[in-house]
Amino acid sequence: MKIEVLGTGCAKCRATEKNVRKAVEELGIQAEIVKVEDLQDIINRGVMMTPAVVVDGEVKISGHQPTVEEIKKIIK
Protein backbone atom coordinates (compact mmCIF):
# COMPACT_ATOMS: atom_id res chain seq x y z
CA MET A 1 0.00 0.00 0.00
CA LYS A 2 1.24 3.48 -0.87
CA ILE A 3 -0.07 6.44 1.11
CA GLU A 4 0.77 9.94 -0.04
CA VAL A 5 0.27 13.06 2.05
CA LEU A 6 -0.18 16.09 -0.19
CA GLY A 7 0.56 19.50 1.24
CA THR A 8 2.96 22.39 0.94
CA GLY A 9 4.40 22.06 4.44
CA CYS A 10 1.86 23.94 6.56
CA ALA A 11 1.16 22.89 10.16
CA LYS A 12 -1.99 20.97 9.16
CA CYS A 13 -0.07 19.10 6.46
CA ARG A 14 2.68 18.11 8.90
CA ALA A 15 0.08 17.00 11.45
CA THR A 16 -1.68 14.94 8.77
CA GLU A 17 1.57 13.14 7.94
CA LYS A 18 2.10 12.44 11.64
CA ASN A 19 -1.46 11.08 11.95
CA VAL A 20 -0.99 8.86 8.89
CA ARG A 21 2.19 7.39 10.36
CA LYS A 22 0.44 6.79 13.69
CA ALA A 23 -2.56 5.13 12.01
CA VAL A 24 -0.30 2.79 10.02
CA GLU A 25 1.64 1.91 13.16
CA GLU A 26 -1.52 1.28 15.21
CA LEU A 27 -2.98 -0.96 12.49
CA GLY A 28 0.32 -2.82 12.18
CA ILE A 29 0.27 -2.71 8.38
CA GLN A 30 3.03 -2.27 5.84
CA ALA A 31 2.72 0.96 3.89
CA GLU A 32 5.00 3.27 1.97
CA ILE A 33 4.31 6.81 3.20
CA VAL A 34 5.35 9.63 0.88
CA LYS A 35 5.11 13.40 1.47
CA VAL A 36 4.30 15.35 -1.70
CA GLU A 37 5.03 19.09 -1.41
CA ASP A 38 5.36 20.10 -5.07
CA LEU A 39 2.41 22.40 -5.78
CA GLN A 40 2.21 21.51 -9.47
CA ASP A 41 2.16 17.78 -8.64
CA ILE A 42 -0.65 18.38 -6.13
CA ILE A 43 -2.68 20.36 -8.68
CA ASN A 44 -2.09 17.71 -11.36
CA ARG A 45 -3.82 15.21 -9.10
CA GLY A 46 -6.92 17.39 -9.01
CA VAL A 47 -6.43 18.45 -5.39
CA MET A 48 -7.34 22.08 -4.79
CA MET A 49 -7.29 22.08 -0.99
CA THR A 50 -4.63 20.59 1.26
CA PRO A 51 -3.87 18.61 3.24
CA ALA A 52 -4.91 15.60 1.22
CA VAL A 53 -4.39 11.87 1.67
CA VAL A 54 -4.01 9.62 -1.38
CA VAL A 55 -4.15 5.84 -1.00
CA ASP A 56 -2.87 3.76 -3.91
CA GLY A 57 -3.42 6.65 -6.32
CA GLU A 58 -6.95 7.56 -5.17
CA VAL A 59 -7.64 10.80 -3.29
CA LYS A 60 -9.43 9.76 -0.09
CA ILE A 61 -9.30 12.97 1.98
CA SER A 62 -8.89 16.56 0.87
CA GLY A 63 -9.18 19.95 2.49
CA HIS A 64 -9.02 19.06 6.17
CA GLN A 65 -6.72 17.54 8.74
CA PRO A 66 -7.97 13.98 9.35
CA THR A 67 -7.84 12.30 12.72
CA VAL A 68 -5.96 9.07 13.28
CA GLU A 69 -9.31 7.23 13.50
CA GLU A 70 -10.50 8.70 10.17
CA ILE A 71 -7.28 7.62 8.49
CA LYS A 72 -7.56 4.12 9.94
CA LYS A 73 -11.04 3.77 8.40
CA ILE A 74 -9.83 4.57 4.90
CA ILE A 75 -6.74 2.35 4.96
CA LYS A 76 -8.16 -0.81 6.53
PDB file of N, CA and C in Angstrom:
ATOM      1  N   MET A   1       0.840  -1.167   0.000  1.00  0.00           N
ATOM      2  CA  MET A   1       0.000   0.000   0.000  1.00  0.00           C
ATOM      3  C   MET A   1       0.889   1.236   0.000  1.00  0.00           C
ATOM      4  N   LYS A   2       0.508   2.212  -0.812  1.00  0.00           N
ATOM      5  CA  LYS A   2       1.235   3.476  -0.869  1.00  0.00           C
ATOM      6  C   LYS A   2       0.288   4.579  -0.418  1.00  0.00           C
ATOM      7  N   ILE A   3       0.716   5.326   0.595  1.00  0.00           N
ATOM      8  CA  ILE A   3      -0.071   6.439   1.113  1.00  0.00           C
ATOM      9  C   ILE A   3       0.730   7.707   0.892  1.00  0.00           C
ATOM     10  N   GLU A   4       0.109   8.662   0.220  1.00  0.00           N
ATOM     11  CA  GLU A   4       0.769   9.937  -0.036  1.00  0.00           C
ATOM     12  C   GLU A   4       0.039  11.036   0.724  1.00  0.00           C
ATOM     13  N   VAL A   5       0.814  11.899   1.361  1.00  0.00           N
ATOM     14  CA  VAL A   5       0.266  13.057   2.052  1.00  0.00           C
ATOM     15  C   VAL A   5       0.630  14.269   1.211  1.00  0.00           C
ATOM     16  N   LEU A   6      -0.392  14.937   0.673  1.00  0.00           N
ATOM     17  CA  LEU A   6      -0.178  16.088  -0.188  1.00  0.00           C
ATOM     18  C   LEU A   6      -0.353  17.357   0.619  1.00  0.00           C
ATOM     19  N   GLY A   7       0.633  18.228   0.543  1.00  0.00           N
ATOM     20  CA  GLY A   7       0.562  19.503   1.240  1.00  0.00           C
ATOM     21  C   GLY A   7       1.868  20.252   1.098  1.00  0.00           C
ATOM     22  N   THR A   8       1.792  21.546   1.199  1.00  0.00           N
ATOM     23  CA  THR A   8       2.961  22.391   0.945  1.00  0.00           C
ATOM     24  C   THR A   8       3.855  22.595   2.158  1.00  0.00           C
ATOM     25  N   GLY A   9       3.532  21.948   3.269  1.00  0.00           N
ATOM     26  CA  GLY A   9       4.399  22.061   4.439  1.00  0.00           C
ATOM     27  C   GLY A   9       3.796  22.857   5.578  1.00  0.00           C
ATOM     28  N   CYS A  10       2.519  23.191   5.493  1.00  0.00           N
ATOM     29  CA  CYS A  10       1.855  23.936   6.561  1.00  0.00           C
ATOM     30  C   CYS A  10       1.692  23.045   7.792  1.00  0.00           C
ATOM     31  N   ALA A  11       1.307  23.632   8.904  1.00  0.00           N
ATOM     32  CA  ALA A  11       1.156  22.895  10.158  1.00  0.00           C
ATOM     33  C   ALA A  11       0.140  21.758  10.021  1.00  0.00           C
ATOM     34  N   LYS A  12      -0.965  22.000   9.332  1.00  0.00           N
ATOM     35  CA  LYS A  12      -1.986  20.968   9.163  1.00  0.00           C
ATOM     36  C   LYS A  12      -1.457  19.822   8.305  1.00  0.00           C
ATOM     37  N   CYS A  13      -0.648  20.132   7.326  1.00  0.00           N
ATOM     38  CA  CYS A  13      -0.071  19.100   6.460  1.00  0.00           C
ATOM     39  C   CYS A  13       0.917  18.239   7.242  1.00  0.00           C
ATOM     40  N   ARG A  14       1.727  18.870   8.071  1.00  0.00           N
ATOM     41  CA  ARG A  14       2.684  18.114   8.896  1.00  0.00           C
ATOM     42  C   ARG A  14       1.939  17.243   9.905  1.00  0.00           C
ATOM     43  N   ALA A  15       0.866  17.779  10.492  1.00  0.00           N
ATOM     44  CA  ALA A  15       0.075  17.004  11.451  1.00  0.00           C
ATOM     45  C   ALA A  15      -0.609  15.827  10.759  1.00  0.00           C
ATOM     46  N   THR A  16      -1.049  16.029   9.521  1.00  0.00           N
ATOM     47  CA  THR A  16      -1.680  14.943   8.769  1.00  0.00           C
ATOM     48  C   THR A  16      -0.680  13.824   8.528  1.00  0.00           C
ATOM     49  N   GLU A  17       0.543  14.168   8.146  1.00  0.00           N
ATOM     50  CA  GLU A  17       1.566  13.143   7.937  1.00  0.00           C
ATOM     51  C   GLU A  17       1.816  12.376   9.233  1.00  0.00           C
ATOM     52  N   LYS A  18       1.897  13.080  10.338  1.00  0.00           N
ATOM     53  CA  LYS A  18       2.100  12.441  11.643  1.00  0.00           C
ATOM     54  C   LYS A  18       0.943  11.488  11.956  1.00  0.00           C
ATOM     55  N   ASN A  19      -0.288  11.924  11.690  1.00  0.00           N
ATOM     56  CA  ASN A  19      -1.462  11.084  11.947  1.00  0.00           C
ATOM     57  C   ASN A  19      -1.476   9.848  11.049  1.00  0.00           C
ATOM     58  N   VAL A  20      -1.057  10.004   9.808  1.00  0.00           N
ATOM     59  CA  VAL A  20      -0.992   8.858   8.890  1.00  0.00           C
ATOM     60  C   VAL A  20       0.014   7.838   9.425  1.00  0.00           C
ATOM     61  N   ARG A  21       1.171   8.297   9.834  1.00  0.00           N
ATOM     62  CA  ARG A  21       2.187   7.386  10.359  1.00  0.00           C
ATOM     63  C   ARG A  21       1.684   6.665  11.617  1.00  0.00           C
ATOM     64  N   LYS A  22       0.986   7.395  12.471  1.00  0.00           N
ATOM     65  CA  LYS A  22       0.444   6.788  13.690  1.00  0.00           C
ATOM     66  C   LYS A  22      -0.627   5.753  13.357  1.00  0.00           C
ATOM     67  N   ALA A  23      -1.501   6.059  12.404  1.00  0.00           N
ATOM     68  CA  ALA A  23      -2.562   5.130  12.013  1.00  0.00           C
ATOM     69  C   ALA A  23      -1.970   3.842  11.456  1.00  0.00           C
ATOM     70  N   VAL A  24      -0.958   3.965  10.606  1.00  0.00           N
ATOM     71  CA  VAL A  24      -0.303   2.793  10.019  1.00  0.00           C
ATOM     72  C   VAL A  24       0.342   1.956  11.125  1.00  0.00           C
ATOM     73  N   GLU A  25       0.993   2.622  12.053  1.00  0.00           N
ATOM     74  CA  GLU A  25       1.644   1.914  13.162  1.00  0.00           C
ATOM     75  C   GLU A  25       0.606   1.193  14.031  1.00  0.00           C
ATOM     76  N   GLU A  26      -0.491   1.878  14.349  1.00  0.00           N
ATOM     77  CA  GLU A  26      -1.521   1.280  15.206  1.00  0.00           C
ATOM     78  C   GLU A  26      -2.197   0.086  14.536  1.00  0.00           C
ATOM     79  N   LEU A  27      -2.360   0.153  13.216  1.00  0.00           N
ATOM     80  CA  LEU A  27      -2.982  -0.963  12.495  1.00  0.00           C
ATOM     81  C   LEU A  27      -1.989  -2.107  12.252  1.00  0.00           C
ATOM     82  N   GLY A  28      -0.704  -1.798  12.376  1.00  0.00           N
ATOM     83  CA  GLY A  28       0.318  -2.820  12.175  1.00  0.00           C
ATOM     84  C   GLY A  28       0.422  -3.281  10.732  1.00  0.00           C
ATOM     85  N   ILE A  29       0.208  -2.354   9.796  1.00  0.00           N
ATOM     86  CA  ILE A  29       0.268  -2.713   8.381  1.00  0.00           C
ATOM     87  C   ILE A  29       1.548  -2.167   7.750  1.00  0.00           C
ATOM     88  N   GLN A  30       1.893  -2.747   6.610  1.00  0.00           N
ATOM     89  CA  GLN A  30       3.032  -2.274   5.837  1.00  0.00           C
ATOM     90  C   GLN A  30       2.526  -1.243   4.832  1.00  0.00           C
ATOM     91  N   ALA A  31       3.121  -0.071   4.839  1.00  0.00           N
ATOM     92  CA  ALA A  31       2.724   0.960   3.888  1.00  0.00           C
ATOM     93  C   ALA A  31       3.915   1.865   3.601  1.00  0.00           C
ATOM     94  N   GLU A  32       4.006   2.270   2.360  1.00  0.00           N
ATOM     95  CA  GLU A  32       4.995   3.274   1.968  1.00  0.00           C
ATOM     96  C   GLU A  32       4.312   4.624   2.133  1.00  0.00           C
ATOM     97  N   ILE A  33       4.894   5.494   2.951  1.00  0.00           N
ATOM     98  CA  ILE A  33       4.309   6.813   3.197  1.00  0.00           C
ATOM     99  C   ILE A  33       5.208   7.852   2.543  1.00  0.00           C
ATOM    100  N   VAL A  34       4.602   8.646   1.655  1.00  0.00           N
ATOM    101  CA  VAL A  34       5.350   9.634   0.884  1.00  0.00           C
ATOM    102  C   VAL A  34       4.733  11.007   1.109  1.00  0.00           C
ATOM    103  N   LYS A  35       5.571  12.012   1.332  1.00  0.00           N
ATOM    104  CA  LYS A  35       5.113  13.396   1.471  1.00  0.00           C
ATOM    105  C   LYS A  35       5.316  14.086   0.131  1.00  0.00           C
ATOM    106  N   VAL A  36       4.240  14.649  -0.415  1.00  0.00           N
ATOM    107  CA  VAL A  36       4.301  15.352  -1.695  1.00  0.00           C
ATOM    108  C   VAL A  36       4.094  16.838  -1.420  1.00  0.00           C
ATOM    109  N   GLU A  37       5.114  17.658  -1.687  1.00  0.00           N
ATOM    110  CA  GLU A  37       5.029  19.086  -1.408  1.00  0.00           C
ATOM    111  C   GLU A  37       5.025  19.944  -2.663  1.00  0.00           C
ATOM    112  N   ASP A  38       5.302  19.342  -3.817  1.00  0.00           N
ATOM    113  CA  ASP A  38       5.357  20.101  -5.066  1.00  0.00           C
ATOM    114  C   ASP A  38       3.954  20.544  -5.472  1.00  0.00           C
ATOM    115  N   LEU A  39       3.727  21.854  -5.513  1.00  0.00           N
ATOM    116  CA  LEU A  39       2.406  22.403  -5.781  1.00  0.00           C
ATOM    117  C   LEU A  39       1.853  21.962  -7.131  1.00  0.00           C
ATOM    118  N   GLN A  40       2.684  21.918  -8.150  1.00  0.00           N
ATOM    119  CA  GLN A  40       2.207  21.507  -9.470  1.00  0.00           C
ATOM    120  C   GLN A  40       1.779  20.044  -9.463  1.00  0.00           C
ATOM    121  N   ASP A  41       2.516  19.205  -8.766  1.00  0.00           N
ATOM    122  CA  ASP A  41       2.162  17.784  -8.642  1.00  0.00           C
ATOM    123  C   ASP A  41       0.821  17.638  -7.921  1.00  0.00           C
ATOM    124  N   ILE A  42       0.617  18.417  -6.875  1.00  0.00           N
ATOM    125  CA  ILE A  42      -0.647  18.380  -6.127  1.00  0.00           C
ATOM    126  C   ILE A  42      -1.806  18.799  -7.030  1.00  0.00           C
ATOM    127  N   ILE A  43      -1.640  19.872  -7.771  1.00  0.00           N
ATOM    128  CA  ILE A  43      -2.684  20.363  -8.678  1.00  0.00           C
ATOM    129  C   ILE A  43      -2.964  19.343  -9.780  1.00  0.00           C
ATOM    130  N   ASN A  44      -1.918  18.716 -10.308  1.00  0.00           N
ATOM    131  CA  ASN A  44      -2.085  17.714 -11.364  1.00  0.00           C
ATOM    132  C   ASN A  44      -2.931  16.529 -10.918  1.00  0.00           C
ATOM    133  N   ARG A  45      -2.999  16.299  -9.628  1.00  0.00           N
ATOM    134  CA  ARG A  45      -3.818  15.210  -9.095  1.00  0.00           C
ATOM    135  C   ARG A  45      -5.266  15.642  -8.874  1.00  0.00           C
ATOM    136  N   GLY A  46      -5.563  16.903  -9.168  1.00  0.00           N
ATOM    137  CA  GLY A  46      -6.924  17.387  -9.010  1.00  0.00           C
ATOM    138  C   GLY A  46      -7.246  17.867  -7.609  1.00  0.00           C
ATOM    139  N   VAL A  47      -6.227  18.010  -6.776  1.00  0.00           N
ATOM    140  CA  VAL A  47      -6.429  18.450  -5.395  1.00  0.00           C
ATOM    141  C   VAL A  47      -6.292  19.971  -5.348  1.00  0.00           C
ATOM    142  N   MET A  48      -7.361  20.627  -4.880  1.00  0.00           N
ATOM    143  CA  MET A  48      -7.337  22.084  -4.794  1.00  0.00           C
ATOM    144  C   MET A  48      -7.173  22.584  -3.357  1.00  0.00           C
ATOM    145  N   MET A  49      -7.429  21.699  -2.389  1.00  0.00           N
ATOM    146  CA  MET A  49      -7.292  22.079  -0.987  1.00  0.00           C
ATOM    147  C   MET A  49      -6.460  21.025  -0.265  1.00  0.00           C
ATOM    148  N   THR A  50      -5.478  21.497   0.497  1.00  0.00           N
ATOM    149  CA  THR A  50      -4.633  20.590   1.262  1.00  0.00           C
ATOM    150  C   THR A  50      -4.913  20.797   2.744  1.00  0.00           C
ATOM    151  N   PRO A  51      -4.552  19.852   3.571  1.00  0.00           N
ATOM    152  CA  PRO A  51      -3.870  18.608   3.244  1.00  0.00           C
ATOM    153  C   PRO A  51      -4.792  17.618   2.545  1.00  0.00           C
ATOM    154  N   ALA A  52      -4.171  16.668   1.878  1.00  0.00           N
ATOM    155  CA  ALA A  52      -4.912  15.596   1.221  1.00  0.00           C
ATOM    156  C   ALA A  52      -4.179  14.283   1.469  1.00  0.00           C
ATOM    157  N   VAL A  53      -4.952  13.203   1.486  1.00  0.00           N
ATOM    158  CA  VAL A  53      -4.386  11.868   1.668  1.00  0.00           C
ATOM    159  C   VAL A  53      -4.786  11.033   0.462  1.00  0.00           C
ATOM    160  N   VAL A  54      -3.802  10.445  -0.190  1.00  0.00           N
ATOM    161  CA  VAL A  54      -4.006   9.621  -1.376  1.00  0.00           C
ATOM    162  C   VAL A  54      -3.572   8.201  -1.036  1.00  0.00           C
ATOM    163  N   VAL A  55      -4.461   7.242  -1.266  1.00  0.00           N
ATOM    164  CA  VAL A  55      -4.154   5.843  -0.995  1.00  0.00           C
ATOM    165  C   VAL A  55      -4.166   5.079  -2.318  1.00  0.00           C
ATOM    166  N   ASP A  56      -3.025   4.508  -2.653  1.00  0.00           N
ATOM    167  CA  ASP A  56      -2.866   3.757  -3.906  1.00  0.00           C
ATOM    168  C   ASP A  56      -3.405   4.525  -5.109  1.00  0.00           C
ATOM    169  N   GLY A  57      -3.066   5.824  -5.176  1.00  0.00           N
ATOM    170  CA  GLY A  57      -3.418   6.648  -6.323  1.00  0.00           C
ATOM    171  C   GLY A  57      -4.788   7.288  -6.281  1.00  0.00           C
ATOM    172  N   GLU A  58      -5.595   7.005  -5.263  1.00  0.00           N
ATOM    173  CA  GLU A  58      -6.950   7.560  -5.171  1.00  0.00           C
ATOM    174  C   GLU A  58      -7.032   8.555  -4.017  1.00  0.00           C
ATOM    175  N   VAL A  59      -7.490   9.778  -4.318  1.00  0.00           N
ATOM    176  CA  VAL A  59      -7.640  10.797  -3.286  1.00  0.00           C
ATOM    177  C   VAL A  59      -8.780  10.379  -2.362  1.00  0.00           C
ATOM    178  N   LYS A  60      -8.447  10.201  -1.078  1.00  0.00           N
ATOM    179  CA  LYS A  60      -9.433   9.760  -0.093  1.00  0.00           C
ATOM    180  C   LYS A  60      -9.897  10.901   0.813  1.00  0.00           C
ATOM    181  N   ILE A  61      -9.002  11.835   1.099  1.00  0.00           N
ATOM    182  CA  ILE A  61      -9.305  12.970   1.979  1.00  0.00           C
ATOM    183  C   ILE A  61      -8.673  14.204   1.364  1.00  0.00           C
ATOM    184  N   SER A  62      -9.427  15.313   1.393  1.00  0.00           N
ATOM    185  CA  SER A  62      -8.886  16.561   0.866  1.00  0.00           C
ATOM    186  C   SER A  62      -9.517  17.740   1.592  1.00  0.00           C
ATOM    187  N   GLY A  63      -8.676  18.698   1.960  1.00  0.00           N
ATOM    188  CA  GLY A  63      -9.178  19.952   2.492  1.00  0.00           C
ATOM    189  C   GLY A  63      -9.334  20.044   3.996  1.00  0.00           C
ATOM    190  N   HIS A  64      -8.997  18.971   4.710  1.00  0.00           N
ATOM    191  CA  HIS A  64      -9.024  19.064   6.167  1.00  0.00           C
ATOM    192  C   HIS A  64      -8.015  18.101   6.772  1.00  0.00           C
ATOM    193  N   GLN A  65      -7.672  18.379   8.021  1.00  0.00           N
ATOM    194  CA  GLN A  65      -6.717  17.535   8.738  1.00  0.00           C
ATOM    195  C   GLN A  65      -7.474  16.361   9.346  1.00  0.00           C
ATOM    196  N   PRO A  66      -7.251  15.146   8.837  1.00  0.00           N
ATOM    197  CA  PRO A  66      -7.970  13.982   9.350  1.00  0.00           C
ATOM    198  C   PRO A  66      -7.405  13.498  10.681  1.00  0.00           C
ATOM    199  N   THR A  67      -8.270  12.911  11.467  1.00  0.00           N
ATOM    200  CA  THR A  67      -7.844  12.301  12.723  1.00  0.00           C
ATOM    201  C   THR A  67      -7.217  10.939  12.434  1.00  0.00           C
ATOM    202  N   VAL A  68      -6.545  10.402  13.423  1.00  0.00           N
ATOM    203  CA  VAL A  68      -5.963   9.072  13.284  1.00  0.00           C
ATOM    204  C   VAL A  68      -7.067   8.061  12.994  1.00  0.00           C
ATOM    205  N   GLU A  69      -8.193   8.172  13.693  1.00  0.00           N
ATOM    206  CA  GLU A  69      -9.309   7.234  13.495  1.00  0.00           C
ATOM    207  C   GLU A  69      -9.874   7.321  12.081  1.00  0.00           C
ATOM    208  N   GLU A  70     -10.001   8.529  11.549  1.00  0.00           N
ATOM    209  CA  GLU A  70     -10.500   8.699  10.172  1.00  0.00           C
ATOM    210  C   GLU A  70      -9.549   8.050   9.174  1.00  0.00           C
ATOM    211  N   ILE A  71      -8.277   8.218   9.382  1.00  0.00           N
ATOM    212  CA  ILE A  71      -7.277   7.619   8.489  1.00  0.00           C
ATOM    213  C   ILE A  71      -7.346   6.099   8.575  1.00  0.00           C
ATOM    214  N   LYS A  72      -7.482   5.578   9.771  1.00  0.00           N
ATOM    215  CA  LYS A  72      -7.565   4.121   9.939  1.00  0.00           C
ATOM    216  C   LYS A  72      -8.745   3.545   9.159  1.00  0.00           C
ATOM    217  N   LYS A  73      -9.853   4.251   9.127  1.00  0.00           N
ATOM    218  CA  LYS A  73     -11.036   3.767   8.404  1.00  0.00           C
ATOM    219  C   LYS A  73     -10.778   3.657   6.906  1.00  0.00           C
ATOM    220  N   ILE A  74     -10.027   4.591   6.358  1.00  0.00           N
ATOM    221  CA  ILE A  74      -9.827   4.573   4.900  1.00  0.00           C
ATOM    222  C   ILE A  74      -8.714   3.638   4.457  1.00  0.00           C
ATOM    223  N   ILE A  75      -7.849   3.206   5.383  1.00  0.00           N
ATOM    224  CA  ILE A  75      -6.741   2.348   4.958  1.00  0.00           C
ATOM    225  C   ILE A  75      -6.889   0.902   5.407  1.00  0.00           C
ATOM    226  N   LYS A  76      -7.942   0.588   6.097  1.00  0.00           N
ATOM    227  CA  LYS A  76      -8.160  -0.811   6.532  1.00  0.00           C
ATOM    228  C   LYS A  76      -8.384  -1.704   5.329  1.00  0.00           C
TER     229      LYS A  76
END
